[in-house]
N, C-alpha and C. Protein backbone atom coordinates (compact mmCIF):
# COMPACT_ATOMS: atom_id res chain seq x y z
N MET A 1 129.51 140.56 48.78
CA MET A 1 128.27 140.51 49.51
C MET A 1 128.06 139.22 50.29
N PRO A 2 128.37 138.03 49.67
CA PRO A 2 128.14 136.82 50.42
C PRO A 2 128.91 136.81 51.72
N PHE A 3 130.08 137.46 51.74
CA PHE A 3 130.88 137.51 52.95
C PHE A 3 130.18 138.30 54.04
N VAL A 4 129.49 139.40 53.71
CA VAL A 4 128.79 140.24 54.68
C VAL A 4 127.61 139.49 55.27
N LYS A 5 126.83 138.78 54.44
CA LYS A 5 125.68 138.03 54.95
C LYS A 5 126.14 136.92 55.88
N ASN A 6 127.19 136.23 55.50
CA ASN A 6 127.73 135.16 56.32
C ASN A 6 128.26 135.70 57.64
N HIS A 7 128.90 136.87 57.58
CA HIS A 7 129.43 137.51 58.79
C HIS A 7 128.28 137.92 59.72
N ASN A 8 127.19 138.48 59.17
CA ASN A 8 126.02 138.85 59.99
C ASN A 8 125.36 137.60 60.58
N HIS A 9 125.30 136.54 59.81
CA HIS A 9 124.71 135.30 60.28
C HIS A 9 125.52 134.73 61.45
N LYS A 10 126.84 134.76 61.37
CA LYS A 10 127.70 134.29 62.45
C LYS A 10 127.54 135.18 63.68
N LYS A 11 127.42 136.48 63.45
CA LYS A 11 127.26 137.42 64.56
C LYS A 11 125.93 137.15 65.28
N LEU A 12 124.86 136.88 64.52
CA LEU A 12 123.55 136.59 65.09
C LEU A 12 123.60 135.28 65.91
N LYS A 13 124.26 134.24 65.39
CA LYS A 13 124.41 132.99 66.12
C LYS A 13 125.16 133.21 67.42
N LEU A 14 126.21 134.02 67.38
CA LEU A 14 127.01 134.30 68.56
C LEU A 14 126.18 135.03 69.61
N ILE A 15 125.36 135.97 69.19
CA ILE A 15 124.50 136.71 70.13
C ILE A 15 123.46 135.77 70.75
N LEU A 16 122.82 134.93 69.93
CA LEU A 16 121.81 134.00 70.45
C LEU A 16 122.42 132.99 71.42
N LEU A 17 123.58 132.46 71.08
CA LEU A 17 124.26 131.53 71.99
C LEU A 17 124.64 132.21 73.29
N SER A 18 125.07 133.46 73.21
CA SER A 18 125.42 134.21 74.43
C SER A 18 124.19 134.39 75.31
N ILE A 19 123.06 134.72 74.71
CA ILE A 19 121.81 134.90 75.47
C ILE A 19 121.40 133.59 76.13
N ILE A 20 121.51 132.48 75.41
CA ILE A 20 121.14 131.18 75.96
C ILE A 20 122.03 130.82 77.15
N PHE A 21 123.35 131.01 76.98
CA PHE A 21 124.27 130.69 78.08
C PHE A 21 124.07 131.59 79.28
N VAL A 22 123.80 132.86 79.06
CA VAL A 22 123.53 133.77 80.18
C VAL A 22 122.25 133.34 80.89
N GLY A 23 121.21 132.99 80.12
CA GLY A 23 119.95 132.52 80.71
C GLY A 23 120.14 131.26 81.53
N LEU A 24 120.88 130.29 80.99
CA LEU A 24 121.17 129.07 81.73
C LEU A 24 121.97 129.34 82.99
N GLY A 25 122.94 130.24 82.87
CA GLY A 25 123.76 130.60 84.03
C GLY A 25 122.92 131.23 85.13
N LEU A 26 122.01 132.14 84.75
CA LEU A 26 121.14 132.77 85.74
C LEU A 26 120.20 131.75 86.38
N SER A 27 119.66 130.84 85.56
CA SER A 27 118.77 129.81 86.10
C SER A 27 119.51 128.91 87.07
N LEU A 28 120.71 128.50 86.71
CA LEU A 28 121.51 127.66 87.59
C LEU A 28 121.86 128.38 88.89
N ALA A 29 122.21 129.65 88.80
CA ALA A 29 122.54 130.43 89.99
C ALA A 29 121.31 130.56 90.90
N ALA A 30 120.16 130.81 90.31
CA ALA A 30 118.93 130.93 91.11
C ALA A 30 118.60 129.60 91.78
N PHE A 31 118.76 128.49 91.05
CA PHE A 31 118.49 127.17 91.61
C PHE A 31 119.40 126.88 92.79
N ILE A 32 120.70 127.12 92.61
CA ILE A 32 121.67 126.83 93.67
C ILE A 32 121.43 127.71 94.89
N SER A 33 121.13 128.96 94.69
CA SER A 33 120.96 129.87 95.84
C SER A 33 119.65 129.60 96.57
N HIS A 34 118.62 129.08 95.90
CA HIS A 34 117.32 128.86 96.55
C HIS A 34 117.07 127.42 96.98
N ARG A 35 117.93 126.51 96.63
CA ARG A 35 117.67 125.12 96.98
C ARG A 35 118.01 124.80 98.42
N ARG A 36 118.79 125.60 99.07
CA ARG A 36 119.17 125.35 100.46
C ARG A 36 118.32 126.21 101.39
N LEU A 37 117.76 125.55 102.38
CA LEU A 37 117.04 126.26 103.43
C LEU A 37 117.88 126.14 104.68
N PRO A 38 118.23 127.24 105.31
CA PRO A 38 119.14 127.18 106.46
C PRO A 38 118.63 126.26 107.57
N GLY A 39 119.49 125.31 107.98
CA GLY A 39 119.18 124.45 109.11
C GLY A 39 118.18 123.34 108.81
N LYS A 40 117.71 123.17 107.56
CA LYS A 40 116.69 122.17 107.28
C LYS A 40 117.12 121.14 106.25
N GLU A 41 118.41 121.13 105.91
CA GLU A 41 118.86 120.20 104.88
C GLU A 41 118.60 118.75 105.28
N LYS A 42 118.90 118.37 106.52
CA LYS A 42 118.72 116.99 106.96
C LYS A 42 117.24 116.61 106.98
N ASN A 43 116.37 117.53 107.43
CA ASN A 43 114.94 117.24 107.46
C ASN A 43 114.37 117.04 106.07
N ILE A 44 114.84 117.82 105.11
CA ILE A 44 114.34 117.69 103.74
C ILE A 44 114.70 116.33 103.18
N VAL A 45 115.92 115.88 103.38
CA VAL A 45 116.35 114.58 102.87
C VAL A 45 115.54 113.47 103.52
N SER A 46 115.33 113.50 104.83
CA SER A 46 114.57 112.44 105.49
C SER A 46 113.10 112.48 105.07
N ASP A 47 112.54 113.68 104.86
CA ASP A 47 111.17 113.78 104.39
C ASP A 47 111.02 113.16 103.01
N ILE A 48 111.98 113.41 102.13
CA ILE A 48 111.91 112.85 100.78
C ILE A 48 111.95 111.33 100.83
N ARG A 49 112.77 110.75 101.70
CA ARG A 49 112.85 109.29 101.80
C ARG A 49 111.55 108.69 102.32
N ASN A 50 110.81 109.42 103.17
CA ASN A 50 109.56 108.91 103.73
C ASN A 50 108.36 109.20 102.84
N LYS A 51 108.52 110.03 101.86
CA LYS A 51 107.40 110.41 101.00
C LYS A 51 107.17 109.37 99.92
N ALA A 52 106.11 109.58 99.18
CA ALA A 52 105.73 108.66 98.11
C ALA A 52 106.72 108.70 96.96
N ASN A 53 106.83 107.55 96.31
CA ASN A 53 107.62 107.48 95.09
C ASN A 53 106.81 107.97 93.89
N ILE A 54 105.50 107.71 93.93
CA ILE A 54 104.60 108.15 92.87
C ILE A 54 103.34 108.70 93.52
N SER A 55 102.90 109.87 93.08
CA SER A 55 101.64 110.44 93.55
C SER A 55 100.75 110.68 92.35
N ILE A 56 99.49 110.29 92.49
CA ILE A 56 98.53 110.40 91.39
C ILE A 56 97.25 111.01 91.93
N GLY A 57 96.63 111.87 91.16
CA GLY A 57 95.31 112.39 91.49
C GLY A 57 94.25 111.55 90.80
N LYS A 58 93.09 111.44 91.39
CA LYS A 58 91.96 110.69 90.84
C LYS A 58 92.36 109.28 90.44
N ALA A 59 92.32 108.38 91.38
CA ALA A 59 92.73 107.00 91.15
C ALA A 59 91.52 106.07 91.09
N HIS A 60 91.66 104.99 90.32
CA HIS A 60 90.64 103.94 90.22
C HIS A 60 91.37 102.61 90.19
N GLN A 61 90.93 101.66 91.01
CA GLN A 61 91.55 100.34 91.04
C GLN A 61 90.45 99.30 91.17
N THR A 62 90.62 98.16 90.50
CA THR A 62 89.66 97.07 90.54
C THR A 62 90.39 95.79 90.94
N ALA A 63 89.78 95.02 91.85
CA ALA A 63 90.33 93.71 92.24
C ALA A 63 89.48 92.64 91.59
N ILE A 64 90.13 91.78 90.81
CA ILE A 64 89.44 90.68 90.13
C ILE A 64 90.13 89.38 90.53
N LYS A 65 89.32 88.39 90.93
CA LYS A 65 89.87 87.09 91.32
C LYS A 65 89.14 86.01 90.53
N ASN A 66 89.88 85.19 89.81
CA ASN A 66 89.30 84.12 88.97
C ASN A 66 88.24 84.66 88.02
N GLY A 67 88.48 85.83 87.47
CA GLY A 67 87.57 86.43 86.51
C GLY A 67 86.35 87.10 87.11
N VAL A 68 86.27 87.15 88.45
CA VAL A 68 85.12 87.75 89.13
C VAL A 68 85.56 89.05 89.80
N LYS A 69 84.84 90.12 89.52
CA LYS A 69 85.16 91.41 90.13
C LYS A 69 84.78 91.37 91.60
N GLU A 70 85.76 91.67 92.48
CA GLU A 70 85.51 91.63 93.92
C GLU A 70 85.27 93.02 94.50
N TRP A 71 85.99 94.02 93.99
CA TRP A 71 85.75 95.39 94.45
C TRP A 71 86.33 96.40 93.47
N ASN A 72 85.77 97.61 93.53
CA ASN A 72 86.28 98.80 92.83
C ASN A 72 86.63 99.83 93.88
N LEU A 73 87.72 100.54 93.67
CA LEU A 73 88.14 101.60 94.58
C LEU A 73 88.36 102.86 93.76
N ASP A 74 87.78 103.97 94.22
CA ASP A 74 88.02 105.29 93.63
C ASP A 74 88.52 106.21 94.73
N ALA A 75 89.46 107.10 94.39
CA ALA A 75 90.02 108.02 95.39
C ALA A 75 90.37 109.34 94.73
N ALA A 76 90.38 110.39 95.55
CA ALA A 76 90.77 111.71 95.07
C ALA A 76 92.25 111.75 94.72
N SER A 77 93.06 110.98 95.47
CA SER A 77 94.50 110.91 95.18
C SER A 77 95.08 109.65 95.80
N VAL A 78 96.26 109.27 95.31
CA VAL A 78 96.95 108.09 95.85
C VAL A 78 98.45 108.35 95.83
N ASP A 79 99.12 107.89 96.89
CA ASP A 79 100.57 107.95 96.98
C ASP A 79 101.07 106.51 97.08
N TYR A 80 101.91 106.10 96.12
CA TYR A 80 102.49 104.76 96.14
C TYR A 80 103.83 104.80 96.86
N MET A 81 103.98 103.98 97.89
CA MET A 81 105.21 103.89 98.66
C MET A 81 105.88 102.57 98.30
N VAL A 82 106.86 102.62 97.42
CA VAL A 82 107.50 101.41 96.91
C VAL A 82 108.20 100.63 98.02
N LYS A 83 108.96 101.30 98.89
CA LYS A 83 109.69 100.61 99.95
C LYS A 83 108.75 99.91 100.93
N LYS A 84 107.61 100.51 101.22
CA LYS A 84 106.64 99.91 102.14
C LYS A 84 105.66 98.99 101.43
N ASN A 85 105.70 98.95 100.10
CA ASN A 85 104.82 98.12 99.28
C ASN A 85 103.35 98.41 99.60
N GLN A 86 103.02 99.70 99.62
CA GLN A 86 101.65 100.09 99.93
C GLN A 86 101.24 101.33 99.15
N ALA A 87 99.94 101.52 99.09
CA ALA A 87 99.36 102.70 98.45
C ALA A 87 98.46 103.38 99.47
N ILE A 88 98.55 104.70 99.58
CA ILE A 88 97.74 105.46 100.53
C ILE A 88 96.75 106.30 99.73
N PHE A 89 95.46 106.01 99.91
CA PHE A 89 94.39 106.68 99.18
C PHE A 89 93.75 107.74 100.06
N GLN A 90 93.41 108.88 99.48
CA GLN A 90 92.71 109.95 100.18
C GLN A 90 91.29 110.07 99.62
N ASP A 91 90.32 110.33 100.50
CA ASP A 91 88.91 110.49 100.11
C ASP A 91 88.48 109.34 99.20
N LEU A 92 88.42 108.14 99.78
CA LEU A 92 88.16 106.98 98.97
C LEU A 92 86.73 106.48 99.09
N SER A 93 86.31 105.78 98.07
CA SER A 93 85.04 105.05 98.09
C SER A 93 85.30 103.70 97.43
N ILE A 94 84.74 102.66 98.07
CA ILE A 94 84.93 101.29 97.59
C ILE A 94 83.56 100.65 97.42
N THR A 95 83.39 99.93 96.34
CA THR A 95 82.19 99.12 96.13
C THR A 95 82.62 97.66 96.15
N PHE A 96 82.08 96.89 97.10
CA PHE A 96 82.34 95.45 97.20
C PHE A 96 81.19 94.72 96.51
N TYR A 97 81.52 93.74 95.67
CA TYR A 97 80.52 92.97 94.94
C TYR A 97 80.35 91.61 95.62
N LEU A 98 79.10 91.30 96.02
CA LEU A 98 78.82 90.06 96.72
C LEU A 98 78.32 88.99 95.75
N LYS A 99 78.36 87.73 96.21
CA LYS A 99 77.95 86.62 95.35
C LYS A 99 76.48 86.68 94.98
N ASN A 100 75.65 87.25 95.86
CA ASN A 100 74.21 87.31 95.58
C ASN A 100 73.85 88.53 94.72
N LYS A 101 74.84 89.11 94.08
CA LYS A 101 74.69 90.25 93.14
C LYS A 101 74.35 91.57 93.84
N THR A 102 74.40 91.62 95.19
CA THR A 102 74.21 92.88 95.89
C THR A 102 75.57 93.54 96.07
N GLN A 103 75.55 94.78 96.52
CA GLN A 103 76.78 95.53 96.69
C GLN A 103 76.83 96.17 98.07
N VAL A 104 78.05 96.30 98.60
CA VAL A 104 78.30 97.00 99.86
C VAL A 104 79.20 98.18 99.52
N TYR A 105 78.82 99.36 99.99
CA TYR A 105 79.55 100.59 99.68
C TYR A 105 80.28 101.09 100.92
N LEU A 106 81.50 101.54 100.74
CA LEU A 106 82.31 102.05 101.83
C LEU A 106 82.92 103.38 101.41
N THR A 107 82.88 104.36 102.32
CA THR A 107 83.56 105.64 102.10
C THR A 107 84.39 105.96 103.33
N ALA A 108 85.51 106.69 103.14
CA ALA A 108 86.38 107.04 104.26
C ALA A 108 87.31 108.16 103.83
N ASN A 109 87.95 108.77 104.83
CA ASN A 109 88.92 109.83 104.55
C ASN A 109 90.22 109.28 103.97
N LYS A 110 90.61 108.07 104.41
CA LYS A 110 91.93 107.55 104.03
C LYS A 110 91.90 106.03 104.02
N GLY A 111 92.67 105.44 103.12
CA GLY A 111 92.81 103.99 103.07
C GLY A 111 94.24 103.63 102.74
N ILE A 112 94.74 102.60 103.42
CA ILE A 112 96.11 102.12 103.17
C ILE A 112 95.99 100.71 102.61
N LEU A 113 96.41 100.53 101.37
CA LEU A 113 96.33 99.25 100.68
C LEU A 113 97.70 98.60 100.65
N LYS A 114 97.79 97.36 101.15
CA LYS A 114 99.02 96.58 101.04
C LYS A 114 99.00 95.93 99.66
N ILE A 115 99.92 96.34 98.81
CA ILE A 115 99.88 95.96 97.41
C ILE A 115 100.04 94.45 97.20
N ASP A 116 100.87 93.80 98.01
CA ASP A 116 101.11 92.37 97.81
C ASP A 116 99.92 91.50 98.20
N SER A 117 99.08 91.93 99.15
CA SER A 117 97.97 91.10 99.63
C SER A 117 96.58 91.67 99.30
N ASN A 118 96.49 92.93 98.92
CA ASN A 118 95.22 93.65 98.72
C ASN A 118 94.46 93.84 100.03
N ASP A 119 95.11 93.63 101.18
CA ASP A 119 94.50 93.95 102.47
C ASP A 119 94.51 95.46 102.65
N MET A 120 93.53 95.98 103.41
CA MET A 120 93.42 97.43 103.60
C MET A 120 93.16 97.78 105.05
N GLU A 121 93.66 98.94 105.42
CA GLU A 121 93.24 99.60 106.66
C GLU A 121 92.56 100.89 106.23
N ILE A 122 91.37 101.13 106.76
CA ILE A 122 90.56 102.27 106.34
C ILE A 122 90.34 103.15 107.56
N LEU A 123 90.59 104.46 107.41
CA LEU A 123 90.63 105.37 108.56
C LEU A 123 89.80 106.62 108.32
N GLY A 124 89.20 107.13 109.39
CA GLY A 124 88.58 108.44 109.37
C GLY A 124 87.21 108.50 108.74
N ASN A 125 86.19 108.72 109.56
CA ASN A 125 84.82 108.91 109.08
C ASN A 125 84.40 107.78 108.13
N VAL A 126 84.57 106.55 108.60
CA VAL A 126 84.27 105.36 107.78
C VAL A 126 82.77 105.08 107.81
N VAL A 127 82.18 104.94 106.64
CA VAL A 127 80.76 104.60 106.51
C VAL A 127 80.66 103.40 105.57
N VAL A 128 79.95 102.35 106.05
CA VAL A 128 79.68 101.16 105.25
C VAL A 128 78.17 101.04 105.15
N LYS A 129 77.65 100.83 103.93
CA LYS A 129 76.19 100.73 103.80
C LYS A 129 75.82 99.81 102.65
N ASN A 130 74.59 99.30 102.77
CA ASN A 130 73.95 98.58 101.67
C ASN A 130 72.48 98.97 101.69
N LEU A 131 71.62 98.17 101.12
CA LEU A 131 70.21 98.54 101.06
C LEU A 131 69.50 98.50 102.41
N THR A 132 70.02 97.73 103.38
CA THR A 132 69.31 97.56 104.65
C THR A 132 69.95 98.21 105.87
N TYR A 133 71.23 98.55 105.83
CA TYR A 133 71.86 99.13 107.00
C TYR A 133 72.91 100.16 106.63
N ARG A 134 73.33 100.91 107.67
CA ARG A 134 74.41 101.90 107.55
C ARG A 134 75.27 101.76 108.80
N LEU A 135 76.58 101.57 108.63
CA LEU A 135 77.51 101.40 109.73
C LEU A 135 78.50 102.55 109.72
N LYS A 136 78.77 103.13 110.91
CA LYS A 136 79.75 104.21 111.03
C LYS A 136 80.79 103.83 112.08
N THR A 137 82.06 104.12 111.77
CA THR A 137 83.16 103.89 112.71
C THR A 137 84.34 104.77 112.30
N GLU A 138 85.41 104.71 113.05
CA GLU A 138 86.59 105.52 112.73
C GLU A 138 87.73 104.70 112.12
N ASN A 139 87.69 103.37 112.26
CA ASN A 139 88.78 102.55 111.77
C ASN A 139 88.23 101.18 111.40
N LEU A 140 88.65 100.69 110.24
CA LEU A 140 88.13 99.43 109.73
C LEU A 140 89.26 98.71 108.99
N PHE A 141 89.20 97.40 108.93
CA PHE A 141 90.18 96.61 108.20
C PHE A 141 89.47 95.72 107.19
N TYR A 142 90.14 95.44 106.09
CA TYR A 142 89.63 94.51 105.09
C TYR A 142 90.71 93.46 104.82
N ARG A 143 90.36 92.17 104.96
CA ARG A 143 91.26 91.07 104.66
C ARG A 143 90.79 90.45 103.34
N HIS A 144 91.59 90.64 102.31
CA HIS A 144 91.18 90.28 100.96
C HIS A 144 90.99 88.78 100.76
N ASN A 145 91.91 87.95 101.24
CA ASN A 145 91.78 86.50 101.01
C ASN A 145 90.53 85.92 101.67
N GLN A 146 90.18 86.40 102.87
CA GLN A 146 88.97 85.92 103.54
C GLN A 146 87.73 86.72 103.15
N ARG A 147 87.92 87.87 102.50
CA ARG A 147 86.83 88.81 102.16
C ARG A 147 86.04 89.17 103.41
N ILE A 148 86.77 89.64 104.43
CA ILE A 148 86.16 90.03 105.71
C ILE A 148 86.48 91.49 105.98
N ILE A 149 85.46 92.24 106.37
CA ILE A 149 85.62 93.61 106.86
C ILE A 149 85.42 93.54 108.37
N PHE A 150 86.35 94.14 109.15
CA PHE A 150 86.17 94.11 110.59
C PHE A 150 86.67 95.40 111.23
N SER A 151 86.13 95.67 112.43
CA SER A 151 86.52 96.84 113.20
C SER A 151 86.83 96.40 114.62
N LYS A 152 87.90 96.96 115.16
CA LYS A 152 88.28 96.69 116.55
C LYS A 152 87.86 97.85 117.46
N VAL A 153 87.25 98.87 116.89
CA VAL A 153 86.78 100.03 117.65
C VAL A 153 85.25 100.09 117.54
N PRO A 154 84.60 100.85 118.42
CA PRO A 154 83.13 100.89 118.41
C PRO A 154 82.53 101.27 117.06
N VAL A 155 81.37 100.64 116.79
CA VAL A 155 80.63 100.90 115.56
C VAL A 155 79.19 101.27 115.92
N LYS A 156 78.59 102.10 115.07
CA LYS A 156 77.17 102.44 115.18
C LYS A 156 76.49 101.92 113.93
N VAL A 157 75.42 101.14 114.14
CA VAL A 157 74.71 100.53 113.01
C VAL A 157 73.25 100.96 113.08
N SER A 158 72.71 101.35 111.93
CA SER A 158 71.30 101.73 111.89
C SER A 158 70.66 101.19 110.62
N GLY A 159 69.37 100.92 110.75
CA GLY A 159 68.57 100.44 109.62
C GLY A 159 67.12 100.81 109.87
N ALA A 160 66.24 100.37 109.00
CA ALA A 160 64.82 100.71 109.14
C ALA A 160 64.22 100.12 110.41
N ALA A 161 64.71 98.95 110.84
CA ALA A 161 64.11 98.27 111.99
C ALA A 161 65.04 98.18 113.20
N PHE A 162 66.20 98.84 113.17
CA PHE A 162 67.13 98.70 114.30
C PHE A 162 68.11 99.87 114.36
N ASN A 163 68.62 100.09 115.57
CA ASN A 163 69.73 101.00 115.86
C ASN A 163 70.50 100.38 117.00
N PHE A 164 71.81 100.26 116.88
CA PHE A 164 72.60 99.78 118.00
C PHE A 164 74.06 100.15 117.83
N ILE A 165 74.81 99.97 118.95
CA ILE A 165 76.26 100.19 118.94
C ILE A 165 76.92 98.92 119.47
N ALA A 166 78.16 98.70 119.07
CA ALA A 166 78.91 97.52 119.51
C ALA A 166 80.37 97.89 119.64
N ASP A 167 81.10 97.15 120.48
CA ASP A 167 82.53 97.41 120.67
C ASP A 167 83.35 97.02 119.45
N SER A 168 82.93 95.99 118.73
CA SER A 168 83.65 95.55 117.53
C SER A 168 82.70 94.78 116.64
N MET A 169 83.10 94.58 115.40
CA MET A 169 82.25 93.86 114.46
C MET A 169 83.08 93.23 113.37
N SER A 170 82.48 92.25 112.67
CA SER A 170 83.09 91.70 111.46
C SER A 170 81.97 91.35 110.49
N LEU A 171 82.23 91.59 109.20
CA LEU A 171 81.27 91.32 108.14
C LEU A 171 81.96 90.41 107.13
N ASN A 172 81.40 89.21 106.93
CA ASN A 172 81.93 88.27 105.95
C ASN A 172 81.23 88.56 104.63
N LEU A 173 81.98 89.02 103.64
CA LEU A 173 81.39 89.37 102.35
C LEU A 173 81.02 88.14 101.54
N ASN A 174 81.58 86.97 101.86
CA ASN A 174 81.21 85.74 101.16
C ASN A 174 79.84 85.25 101.59
N THR A 175 79.55 85.35 102.89
CA THR A 175 78.27 84.86 103.41
C THR A 175 77.28 85.98 103.68
N ASN A 176 77.74 87.23 103.65
CA ASN A 176 76.93 88.42 103.96
C ASN A 176 76.37 88.35 105.38
N LYS A 177 77.16 87.79 106.31
CA LYS A 177 76.77 87.71 107.71
C LYS A 177 77.67 88.61 108.53
N THR A 178 77.05 89.26 109.52
CA THR A 178 77.77 90.20 110.38
C THR A 178 77.74 89.69 111.82
N MET A 179 78.88 89.82 112.52
CA MET A 179 78.97 89.44 113.91
C MET A 179 79.40 90.67 114.72
N PHE A 180 78.69 90.93 115.82
CA PHE A 180 79.03 92.03 116.71
C PHE A 180 79.50 91.44 118.03
N GLU A 181 80.55 92.05 118.61
CA GLU A 181 81.12 91.53 119.84
C GLU A 181 81.31 92.64 120.86
N GLY A 182 81.58 92.21 122.11
CA GLY A 182 81.78 93.17 123.19
C GLY A 182 80.43 93.64 123.69
N LYS A 183 80.41 94.84 124.17
CA LYS A 183 79.17 95.43 124.67
C LYS A 183 78.32 95.85 123.47
N VAL A 184 77.19 95.17 123.30
CA VAL A 184 76.27 95.46 122.20
C VAL A 184 74.96 95.93 122.82
N GLN A 185 74.49 97.09 122.42
CA GLN A 185 73.21 97.58 122.92
C GLN A 185 72.49 98.37 121.83
N GLY A 186 71.18 98.33 121.88
CA GLY A 186 70.41 99.05 120.88
C GLY A 186 68.94 98.70 120.94
N THR A 187 68.24 99.03 119.89
CA THR A 187 66.79 98.79 119.82
C THR A 187 66.45 98.12 118.50
N LEU A 188 65.46 97.20 118.60
CA LEU A 188 64.89 96.56 117.41
C LEU A 188 63.42 96.98 117.33
N ARG A 189 62.99 97.32 116.15
CA ARG A 189 61.61 97.75 115.96
C ARG A 189 60.94 96.83 114.96
N GLU A 190 59.67 96.56 115.24
CA GLU A 190 58.90 95.75 114.31
C GLU A 190 58.23 96.69 113.33
N ILE A 191 58.32 96.37 112.08
CA ILE A 191 57.68 97.18 111.05
C ILE A 191 56.32 96.56 110.76
N ILE A 192 55.27 97.37 110.99
CA ILE A 192 53.92 96.90 110.79
C ILE A 192 53.40 97.51 109.49
N ARG A 193 52.91 96.64 108.62
CA ARG A 193 52.36 97.13 107.36
C ARG A 193 50.84 96.95 107.38
N LEU A 194 50.11 97.96 107.01
CA LEU A 194 48.64 97.89 106.99
C LEU A 194 48.13 97.72 105.59
């Protein structure tokens, strides 16, 4: 009897191993036959080289300098490009922390962060706001060492007492002062309290 049980056990192992090898063979055949797209092999390789090395959904990053929080960044997704030393954020929002304990909020469709310097280029439907104003533009830059936000394209600024447009602008986050350049036009209103 022990010989029959051992023989059945060997037969069962042989059948299971055969099934595993057949399954692996079929998987390998399917992979090989479907991995090639006619006429697009070169494009696929070049696309892979230009794509991100790491992609993450729902990202959060904080910049701290000398123990002081300078900004927080949240995004729907981020692609890290190791060769370019940059991170590309989609649907981002940034909170900048000022020395006077106020905050400046920024939202945009896309942001490109240079990892070595923390400088950023911010693109698409850019909105910057705080308690007194709201600024809209299509392209903005942030220089981390100087803590300056600036735009080289037209901006629209509105607040309770003013509305205007300008060809370019810069906002110093250290001094909380804004400079507008080029053609600047708009209206200032006096707020009368009774």
